[in-house]
Amino acid sequence: MWYRAILLAFLGCALAGCTQPDATPPAVPVAGSPPPAHVPRLSFAPKTRIPVRLALKRSDDGGRMSPIGGGFRPTMVFAARGTRTICGVDRRTVGEFRPGDSHEVGLRCADAVAVSADALGFSVLEDGREIGTGVVLP
């Protein structure tokens, strides 16, 4: 059985065109080894649903006065690269989203969005003022 892994590694390297003597062959999964760990998605194409946890500020704290409804499309500023884009909020199972509430929702952004593993946060802007914050979920 062990010879299969070596043979597959050698063939993979030969087919990939490994010519340098110090080149390492591609990794070959060995039977019985654990599956690779889940790697969170960190870049999203335009109009792709981005799972987030969104918290709206209360009106006392400078947030909105009224709940958000269908068609709400604020500007989002993502912390990782300072990307500013307009995103629609996909509430699906969340009925009414009132100021002061926090829910897991989806975003569908007009532009591509990329975040880094150490900066998953973003701000929600409406008319130039911050009305909420959020974090991209893995």
N, C-alpha and C. Protein backbone atom coordinates (compact mmCIF):
# COMPACT_ATOMS: atom_id res chain seq x y z
N MET A 1 0.81 -1.19 0.00
CA MET A 1 0.00 0.00 0.00
C MET A 1 0.86 1.26 0.00
N TRP A 2 1.95 1.29 0.79
CA TRP A 2 2.78 2.48 0.88
C TRP A 2 3.43 2.80 -0.45
N TYR A 3 3.68 1.76 -1.24
CA TYR A 3 4.34 1.99 -2.53
C TYR A 3 3.42 2.72 -3.51
N ARG A 4 2.09 2.60 -3.33
CA ARG A 4 1.15 3.33 -4.20
C ARG A 4 1.31 4.83 -4.02
N ALA A 5 1.44 5.28 -2.77
CA ALA A 5 1.59 6.71 -2.51
C ALA A 5 2.87 7.25 -3.15
N ILE A 6 3.95 6.48 -3.06
CA ILE A 6 5.22 6.92 -3.65
C ILE A 6 5.11 6.94 -5.17
N LEU A 7 4.50 5.92 -5.73
CA LEU A 7 4.34 5.85 -7.18
C LEU A 7 3.46 6.99 -7.68
N LEU A 8 2.36 7.26 -6.99
CA LEU A 8 1.48 8.36 -7.38
C LEU A 8 2.18 9.70 -7.26
N ALA A 9 2.98 9.88 -6.22
CA ALA A 9 3.72 11.12 -6.05
C ALA A 9 4.73 11.30 -7.19
N PHE A 10 5.43 10.23 -7.54
CA PHE A 10 6.40 10.29 -8.62
C PHE A 10 5.72 10.59 -9.94
N LEU A 11 4.61 9.92 -10.22
CA LEU A 11 3.89 10.16 -11.47
C LEU A 11 3.32 11.57 -11.51
N GLY A 12 2.80 12.04 -10.38
CA GLY A 12 2.26 13.40 -10.32
C GLY A 12 3.34 14.43 -10.62
N CYS A 13 4.52 14.21 -10.09
CA CYS A 13 5.63 15.12 -10.32
C CYS A 13 6.08 15.04 -11.78
N ALA A 14 6.13 13.85 -12.32
CA ALA A 14 6.56 13.67 -13.70
C ALA A 14 5.56 14.32 -14.65
N LEU A 15 4.27 14.17 -14.38
CA LEU A 15 3.25 14.76 -15.25
C LEU A 15 3.21 16.28 -15.11
N ALA A 16 3.53 16.79 -13.93
CA ALA A 16 3.51 18.23 -13.71
C ALA A 16 4.77 18.90 -14.24
N GLY A 17 5.75 18.12 -14.63
CA GLY A 17 6.97 18.68 -15.20
C GLY A 17 7.99 19.12 -14.18
N CYS A 18 8.09 18.41 -13.06
CA CYS A 18 9.10 18.74 -12.05
C CYS A 18 10.47 18.40 -12.60
N THR A 19 11.30 19.42 -12.80
CA THR A 19 12.63 19.15 -13.36
C THR A 19 13.75 19.46 -12.39
N GLN A 20 13.51 20.34 -11.41
CA GLN A 20 14.56 20.67 -10.46
C GLN A 20 14.76 19.51 -9.49
N PRO A 21 15.99 19.24 -9.11
CA PRO A 21 16.23 18.15 -8.17
C PRO A 21 15.65 18.42 -6.79
N ASP A 22 15.46 19.72 -6.41
CA ASP A 22 14.94 20.01 -5.08
C ASP A 22 13.42 20.19 -5.08
N ALA A 23 12.77 19.97 -6.22
CA ALA A 23 11.32 20.13 -6.29
C ALA A 23 10.64 19.01 -5.52
N THR A 24 9.62 19.39 -4.77
CA THR A 24 8.89 18.38 -4.01
C THR A 24 7.66 17.97 -4.80
N PRO A 25 7.35 16.69 -4.81
CA PRO A 25 6.18 16.24 -5.53
C PRO A 25 4.91 16.71 -4.83
N PRO A 26 3.80 16.79 -5.57
CA PRO A 26 2.55 17.21 -4.95
C PRO A 26 2.13 16.25 -3.84
N ALA A 27 1.45 16.80 -2.84
CA ALA A 27 1.00 15.98 -1.71
C ALA A 27 -0.07 14.99 -2.18
N VAL A 28 0.07 13.77 -1.73
CA VAL A 28 -0.89 12.72 -2.06
C VAL A 28 -1.54 12.27 -0.77
N PRO A 29 -2.88 12.31 -0.70
CA PRO A 29 -3.52 11.86 0.52
C PRO A 29 -3.30 10.36 0.75
N VAL A 30 -2.99 10.03 1.96
CA VAL A 30 -2.76 8.63 2.33
C VAL A 30 -4.02 8.10 2.98
N ALA A 31 -4.38 6.87 2.63
CA ALA A 31 -5.58 6.27 3.20
C ALA A 31 -5.47 6.25 4.72
N GLY A 32 -6.55 6.65 5.39
CA GLY A 32 -6.56 6.66 6.84
C GLY A 32 -6.10 7.98 7.44
N SER A 33 -5.61 8.92 6.61
CA SER A 33 -5.20 10.21 7.16
C SER A 33 -6.43 11.10 7.34
N PRO A 34 -6.40 12.03 8.31
CA PRO A 34 -7.57 12.87 8.54
C PRO A 34 -7.80 13.82 7.37
N PRO A 35 -9.05 14.21 7.13
CA PRO A 35 -9.32 15.15 6.04
C PRO A 35 -8.73 16.51 6.37
N PRO A 36 -8.45 17.31 5.34
CA PRO A 36 -7.87 18.62 5.61
C PRO A 36 -8.85 19.49 6.41
N ALA A 37 -8.30 20.40 7.21
CA ALA A 37 -9.13 21.28 8.03
C ALA A 37 -9.94 22.22 7.14
N HIS A 38 -11.09 22.66 7.64
CA HIS A 38 -11.94 23.58 6.89
C HIS A 38 -11.25 24.93 6.78
N VAL A 39 -11.10 25.41 5.56
CA VAL A 39 -10.50 26.71 5.32
C VAL A 39 -11.63 27.67 5.01
N PRO A 40 -11.80 28.74 5.81
CA PRO A 40 -12.89 29.66 5.56
C PRO A 40 -12.71 30.40 4.24
N ARG A 41 -13.80 30.69 3.60
CA ARG A 41 -13.77 31.41 2.34
C ARG A 41 -13.54 32.89 2.65
N LEU A 42 -12.58 33.49 1.99
CA LEU A 42 -12.21 34.87 2.29
C LEU A 42 -12.39 35.82 1.12
N SER A 43 -12.75 35.33 -0.05
CA SER A 43 -13.01 36.22 -1.18
C SER A 43 -14.32 35.81 -1.83
N PHE A 44 -15.07 36.82 -2.25
CA PHE A 44 -16.41 36.60 -2.78
C PHE A 44 -16.59 37.40 -4.06
N ALA A 45 -17.12 36.73 -5.08
CA ALA A 45 -17.40 37.39 -6.35
C ALA A 45 -18.61 38.31 -6.19
N PRO A 46 -18.79 39.27 -7.10
CA PRO A 46 -19.98 40.12 -7.02
C PRO A 46 -21.27 39.31 -7.02
N LYS A 47 -22.23 39.75 -6.25
CA LYS A 47 -23.57 39.16 -6.14
C LYS A 47 -23.60 37.76 -5.53
N THR A 48 -22.47 37.32 -4.95
CA THR A 48 -22.41 36.06 -4.23
C THR A 48 -22.88 36.30 -2.81
N ARG A 49 -23.66 35.38 -2.26
CA ARG A 49 -24.16 35.55 -0.88
C ARG A 49 -23.01 35.38 0.10
N ILE A 50 -22.80 36.39 0.94
CA ILE A 50 -21.75 36.38 1.97
C ILE A 50 -22.44 36.21 3.32
N PRO A 51 -22.17 35.12 4.04
CA PRO A 51 -22.79 34.95 5.36
C PRO A 51 -22.14 35.88 6.39
N VAL A 52 -22.96 36.66 7.08
CA VAL A 52 -22.44 37.61 8.06
C VAL A 52 -23.31 37.63 9.30
N ARG A 53 -22.76 38.17 10.37
CA ARG A 53 -23.52 38.51 11.57
C ARG A 53 -23.55 40.02 11.59
N LEU A 54 -24.75 40.59 11.49
CA LEU A 54 -24.94 42.03 11.36
C LEU A 54 -25.64 42.57 12.60
N ALA A 55 -25.10 43.65 13.16
CA ALA A 55 -25.69 44.30 14.33
C ALA A 55 -25.98 45.75 13.97
N LEU A 56 -27.23 46.16 14.12
CA LEU A 56 -27.60 47.55 13.88
C LEU A 56 -27.53 48.33 15.19
N LYS A 57 -27.00 49.54 15.13
CA LYS A 57 -26.95 50.40 16.31
C LYS A 57 -28.36 50.85 16.67
N ARG A 58 -28.59 51.07 17.96
CA ARG A 58 -29.87 51.64 18.40
C ARG A 58 -29.92 53.10 17.98
N SER A 59 -31.10 53.64 17.88
CA SER A 59 -31.23 55.05 17.47
C SER A 59 -30.56 55.98 18.48
N ASP A 60 -30.55 55.59 19.77
CA ASP A 60 -29.88 56.41 20.81
C ASP A 60 -28.38 56.51 20.55
N ASP A 61 -27.81 55.48 19.91
CA ASP A 61 -26.37 55.43 19.66
C ASP A 61 -25.98 55.94 18.28
N GLY A 62 -26.93 56.59 17.58
CA GLY A 62 -26.63 57.13 16.25
C GLY A 62 -27.07 56.23 15.12
N GLY A 63 -27.85 55.20 15.41
CA GLY A 63 -28.33 54.29 14.38
C GLY A 63 -29.62 54.76 13.73
N ARG A 64 -30.24 53.88 13.00
CA ARG A 64 -31.50 54.17 12.32
C ARG A 64 -32.63 54.32 13.32
N MET A 65 -33.69 54.99 12.89
CA MET A 65 -34.90 55.13 13.71
C MET A 65 -35.87 53.99 13.43
N SER A 66 -35.85 53.48 12.18
CA SER A 66 -36.83 52.46 11.78
C SER A 66 -36.14 51.16 11.41
N PRO A 67 -36.89 50.03 11.46
CA PRO A 67 -36.31 48.74 11.07
C PRO A 67 -35.98 48.71 9.58
N ILE A 68 -35.08 47.80 9.21
CA ILE A 68 -34.77 47.65 7.78
C ILE A 68 -35.75 46.67 7.16
N GLY A 69 -36.05 46.91 5.91
CA GLY A 69 -36.97 46.04 5.20
C GLY A 69 -36.32 45.51 3.94
N GLY A 70 -37.14 44.92 3.08
CA GLY A 70 -36.63 44.41 1.82
C GLY A 70 -36.11 45.56 0.96
N GLY A 71 -35.07 45.31 0.22
CA GLY A 71 -34.50 46.33 -0.64
C GLY A 71 -33.51 47.26 0.05
N PHE A 72 -33.16 46.99 1.29
CA PHE A 72 -32.19 47.80 2.02
C PHE A 72 -30.81 47.56 1.43
N ARG A 73 -30.16 48.62 0.90
CA ARG A 73 -28.86 48.49 0.24
C ARG A 73 -27.90 49.57 0.73
N PRO A 74 -27.33 49.40 1.92
CA PRO A 74 -26.40 50.39 2.44
C PRO A 74 -24.99 50.21 1.85
N THR A 75 -24.11 51.13 2.19
CA THR A 75 -22.70 51.01 1.82
C THR A 75 -21.99 50.26 2.94
N MET A 76 -21.19 49.28 2.56
CA MET A 76 -20.39 48.51 3.51
C MET A 76 -18.92 48.88 3.32
N VAL A 77 -18.21 49.03 4.42
CA VAL A 77 -16.77 49.28 4.37
C VAL A 77 -16.10 48.12 5.09
N PHE A 78 -15.38 47.29 4.33
CA PHE A 78 -14.73 46.10 4.89
C PHE A 78 -13.35 46.48 5.43
N ALA A 79 -13.07 46.07 6.66
CA ALA A 79 -11.87 46.47 7.38
C ALA A 79 -10.58 45.97 6.74
N ALA A 80 -10.61 44.80 6.14
CA ALA A 80 -9.37 44.19 5.64
C ALA A 80 -8.64 45.08 4.64
N ARG A 81 -9.35 45.62 3.68
CA ARG A 81 -8.70 46.41 2.63
C ARG A 81 -9.34 47.78 2.46
N GLY A 82 -10.29 48.09 3.31
CA GLY A 82 -10.98 49.37 3.18
C GLY A 82 -11.93 49.41 1.99
N THR A 83 -12.31 48.25 1.49
CA THR A 83 -13.21 48.17 0.34
C THR A 83 -14.56 48.76 0.68
N ARG A 84 -15.05 49.66 -0.16
CA ARG A 84 -16.38 50.26 -0.01
C ARG A 84 -17.23 49.75 -1.16
N THR A 85 -18.38 49.19 -0.83
CA THR A 85 -19.29 48.71 -1.86
C THR A 85 -20.72 48.74 -1.34
N ILE A 86 -21.65 48.79 -2.26
CA ILE A 86 -23.06 48.75 -1.90
C ILE A 86 -23.49 47.28 -1.86
N CYS A 87 -24.15 46.90 -0.78
CA CYS A 87 -24.59 45.51 -0.60
C CYS A 87 -26.06 45.46 -0.23
N GLY A 88 -26.76 44.51 -0.80
CA GLY A 88 -28.13 44.24 -0.39
C GLY A 88 -28.11 43.28 0.79
N VAL A 89 -29.03 43.47 1.72
CA VAL A 89 -29.12 42.59 2.89
C VAL A 89 -30.19 41.54 2.62
N ASP A 90 -29.77 40.28 2.60
CA ASP A 90 -30.66 39.14 2.36
C ASP A 90 -31.10 38.60 3.72
N ARG A 91 -32.31 38.97 4.15
CA ARG A 91 -32.76 38.63 5.50
C ARG A 91 -33.35 37.22 5.59
N ARG A 92 -33.74 36.63 4.51
CA ARG A 92 -34.37 35.30 4.43
C ARG A 92 -35.31 35.00 5.60
N THR A 93 -34.82 34.38 6.67
CA THR A 93 -35.70 33.93 7.76
C THR A 93 -35.92 35.00 8.83
N VAL A 94 -35.17 36.10 8.75
CA VAL A 94 -35.34 37.16 9.76
C VAL A 94 -36.52 38.01 9.32
N GLY A 95 -37.52 38.10 10.18
CA GLY A 95 -38.69 38.90 9.85
C GLY A 95 -38.36 40.38 9.86
N GLU A 96 -38.49 41.00 11.01
CA GLU A 96 -38.22 42.42 11.14
C GLU A 96 -36.86 42.61 11.79
N PHE A 97 -36.04 43.46 11.20
CA PHE A 97 -34.69 43.70 11.70
C PHE A 97 -34.67 45.11 12.27
N ARG A 98 -34.83 45.21 13.59
CA ARG A 98 -34.94 46.50 14.28
C ARG A 98 -33.57 47.03 14.72
N PRO A 99 -33.45 48.34 14.84
CA PRO A 99 -32.22 48.91 15.41
C PRO A 99 -31.97 48.34 16.81
N GLY A 100 -30.73 47.97 17.08
CA GLY A 100 -30.38 47.35 18.35
C GLY A 100 -30.33 45.84 18.26
N ASP A 101 -30.85 45.26 17.17
CA ASP A 101 -30.84 43.80 16.98
C ASP A 101 -29.56 43.34 16.29
N SER A 102 -29.28 42.04 16.44
CA SER A 102 -28.15 41.41 15.77
C SER A 102 -28.65 40.08 15.21
N HIS A 103 -28.41 39.84 13.92
CA HIS A 103 -28.89 38.62 13.27
C HIS A 103 -27.85 38.10 12.29
N GLU A 104 -27.93 36.79 12.00
CA GLU A 104 -27.14 36.22 10.92
C GLU A 104 -27.95 36.38 9.64
N VAL A 105 -27.35 37.09 8.67
CA VAL A 105 -28.00 37.36 7.40
C VAL A 105 -26.98 37.16 6.28
N GLY A 106 -27.38 37.43 5.07
CA GLY A 106 -26.47 37.36 3.94
C GLY A 106 -26.34 38.72 3.29
N LEU A 107 -25.20 38.96 2.69
CA LEU A 107 -25.00 40.18 1.91
C LEU A 107 -24.78 39.79 0.46
N ARG A 108 -25.30 40.59 -0.44
CA ARG A 108 -25.03 40.43 -1.87
C ARG A 108 -24.48 41.77 -2.33
N CYS A 109 -23.17 41.80 -2.57
CA CYS A 109 -22.48 43.05 -2.86
C CYS A 109 -22.34 43.28 -4.36
N ALA A 110 -22.33 44.55 -4.75
CA ALA A 110 -22.20 44.91 -6.15
C ALA A 110 -20.80 44.64 -6.69
N ASP A 111 -19.79 44.70 -5.82
CA ASP A 111 -18.40 44.49 -6.22
C ASP A 111 -17.82 43.28 -5.51
N ALA A 112 -16.71 42.77 -6.03
CA ALA A 112 -16.01 41.67 -5.37
C ALA A 112 -15.51 42.12 -4.01
N VAL A 113 -15.55 41.21 -3.05
CA VAL A 113 -15.13 41.51 -1.67
C VAL A 113 -14.11 40.47 -1.24
N ALA A 114 -13.02 40.94 -0.64
CA ALA A 114 -12.02 40.03 -0.07
C ALA A 114 -11.72 40.50 1.35
N VAL A 115 -11.68 39.55 2.26
CA VAL A 115 -11.34 39.85 3.65
C VAL A 115 -10.17 38.96 4.05
N SER A 116 -9.50 39.33 5.12
CA SER A 116 -8.41 38.49 5.60
C SER A 116 -8.87 37.81 6.89
N ALA A 117 -8.21 36.73 7.23
CA ALA A 117 -8.61 35.93 8.40
C ALA A 117 -8.52 36.73 9.69
N ASP A 118 -7.66 37.73 9.75
CA ASP A 118 -7.52 38.51 10.98
C ASP A 118 -8.32 39.82 10.94
N ALA A 119 -9.06 40.08 9.86
CA ALA A 119 -9.88 41.29 9.76
C ALA A 119 -11.17 40.97 9.03
N LEU A 120 -12.09 40.32 9.73
CA LEU A 120 -13.36 39.90 9.12
C LEU A 120 -14.47 40.92 9.30
N GLY A 121 -14.20 42.01 10.00
CA GLY A 121 -15.23 42.99 10.33
C GLY A 121 -15.53 43.97 9.21
N PHE A 122 -16.67 44.65 9.34
CA PHE A 122 -17.06 45.70 8.40
C PHE A 122 -18.00 46.66 9.09
N SER A 123 -18.16 47.83 8.50
CA SER A 123 -19.07 48.86 9.00
C SER A 123 -20.21 49.03 8.01
N VAL A 124 -21.38 49.41 8.53
CA VAL A 124 -22.56 49.66 7.70
C VAL A 124 -22.79 51.17 7.71
N LEU A 125 -22.78 51.79 6.53
CA LEU A 125 -22.97 53.23 6.43
C LEU A 125 -24.28 53.55 5.72
N GLU A 126 -24.95 54.56 6.23
CA GLU A 126 -26.15 55.07 5.57
C GLU A 126 -26.07 56.59 5.63
N ASP A 127 -26.12 57.23 4.49
CA ASP A 127 -25.98 58.69 4.40
C ASP A 127 -24.69 59.17 5.06
N GLY A 128 -23.62 58.37 4.95
CA GLY A 128 -22.32 58.76 5.46
C GLY A 128 -22.07 58.50 6.93
N ARG A 129 -23.07 58.02 7.67
CA ARG A 129 -22.85 57.75 9.09
C ARG A 129 -22.96 56.25 9.36
N GLU A 130 -22.20 55.81 10.36
CA GLU A 130 -22.19 54.38 10.70
C GLU A 130 -23.46 54.04 11.48
N ILE A 131 -24.23 53.08 10.94
CA ILE A 131 -25.46 52.67 11.61
C ILE A 131 -25.38 51.24 12.12
N GLY A 132 -24.27 50.56 11.83
CA GLY A 132 -24.13 49.18 12.29
C GLY A 132 -22.75 48.65 11.98
N THR A 133 -22.51 47.45 12.49
CA THR A 133 -21.25 46.75 12.26
C THR A 133 -21.57 45.28 12.00
N GLY A 134 -20.58 44.57 11.52
CA GLY A 134 -20.78 43.16 11.26
C GLY A 134 -19.47 42.42 11.14
N VAL A 135 -19.59 41.11 11.01
CA VAL A 135 -18.43 40.25 10.84
C VAL A 135 -18.79 39.15 9.85
N VAL A 136 -17.86 38.83 8.94
CA VAL A 136 -18.06 37.74 7.98
C VAL A 136 -17.93 36.42 8.72
N LEU A 137 -18.88 35.52 8.50
CA LEU A 137 -18.86 34.22 9.16
C LEU A 137 -18.12 33.19 8.32
N PRO A 138 -17.45 32.23 8.96
CA PRO A 138 -16.74 31.18 8.21
C PRO A 138 -17.71 30.22 7.56
